[in-house]
Amino acid sequence: MSPRGKDLNEKMRSEAMAKITRAALVVFSEYGYHGTSMEQIMKVSGLSKGIVYHYFPSKEKLFLHLVDSAFVISRNIWKKALEAPGTAWEKIERLTESLVKTTFTEESSLYFLIMFQATTQGKIIAGLMEHIAQNSAHFAELPRLIMDAQKSGEAAQGDPGVMASTYFALFQGYTLILHGNDELKEKITPEIFINL
C-alpha cells in the first residue's frame, strides 16, 4: 500500500472513530447505558451499521471506550498540572484552574455523565468497577498535595482525605447542576474551589 493510501485510510479511520465517539457520548449521556441502542448511535453518527460495528462490535465496548477516553482526558489534565514546578499549594491552584476551564465545557460535562453512570451503575458491565479503580490512581495525588500544603501552612488543617473528597464532590455537583446552564457556568471560578 502506498503512503498516500495509508494516510487516507488513517484519516478515514480517525474521522469514523470521532463521529462514533461523539454520537455515543451524546446518546449515552441522554439515555443512559440501558436506554441506549447501537441503532441510535448509528443514526446520530450518520454512519452505516457495518462501519460502526467494525470499530465497536458491541454497546459494551463502545461504553468502555468512552470511559477510557474520559480517563485519558483526566490523566492528561492532572499530569500537566502536577508535573510543573511549584509548591503543593501552587499545584493545587494550577490543577483547579485547569479543571474549572475544562470540566464545565460541553464535551467534558458529557464525559462526566458517562463516568457518573459507570460509577453508579457499575454492574452494567462485568469488571467495570475494577477497571475504574485501576485507572483512578491519579486522584490519590490530591490528599497528598493537601497534606504537603498543610505542612507549609498554605492549606487549612483537617483530614486531607475528607478535604479531597469534598473538593471532588463540589466538582461533581457543579457538573450536574451546570449541565446546560451556560449563564451559571460563567460564574464558576477556581477561587470557589480553592477557598474550600
Foldseek 3Di string as FASTA:
>chain_A
DDPVVVVVVVVVLVLLVVLLLVLLLVQCLVQNLVRDDVVSSCVSSVHDPVSNCVVPVGSVSSLVVLLVVLLVVVVVLLCVLPVDDDALLSSLLSSLQSCLVPCQDQSNLSSLSSVVSCVVVVVPDPCSVVVCVVSCVSLVVQLVSQVRCVVVVNHDDDRSVVLSVVLVVVSSVCSVVCNVPVVVSVVDHSVVSSVD
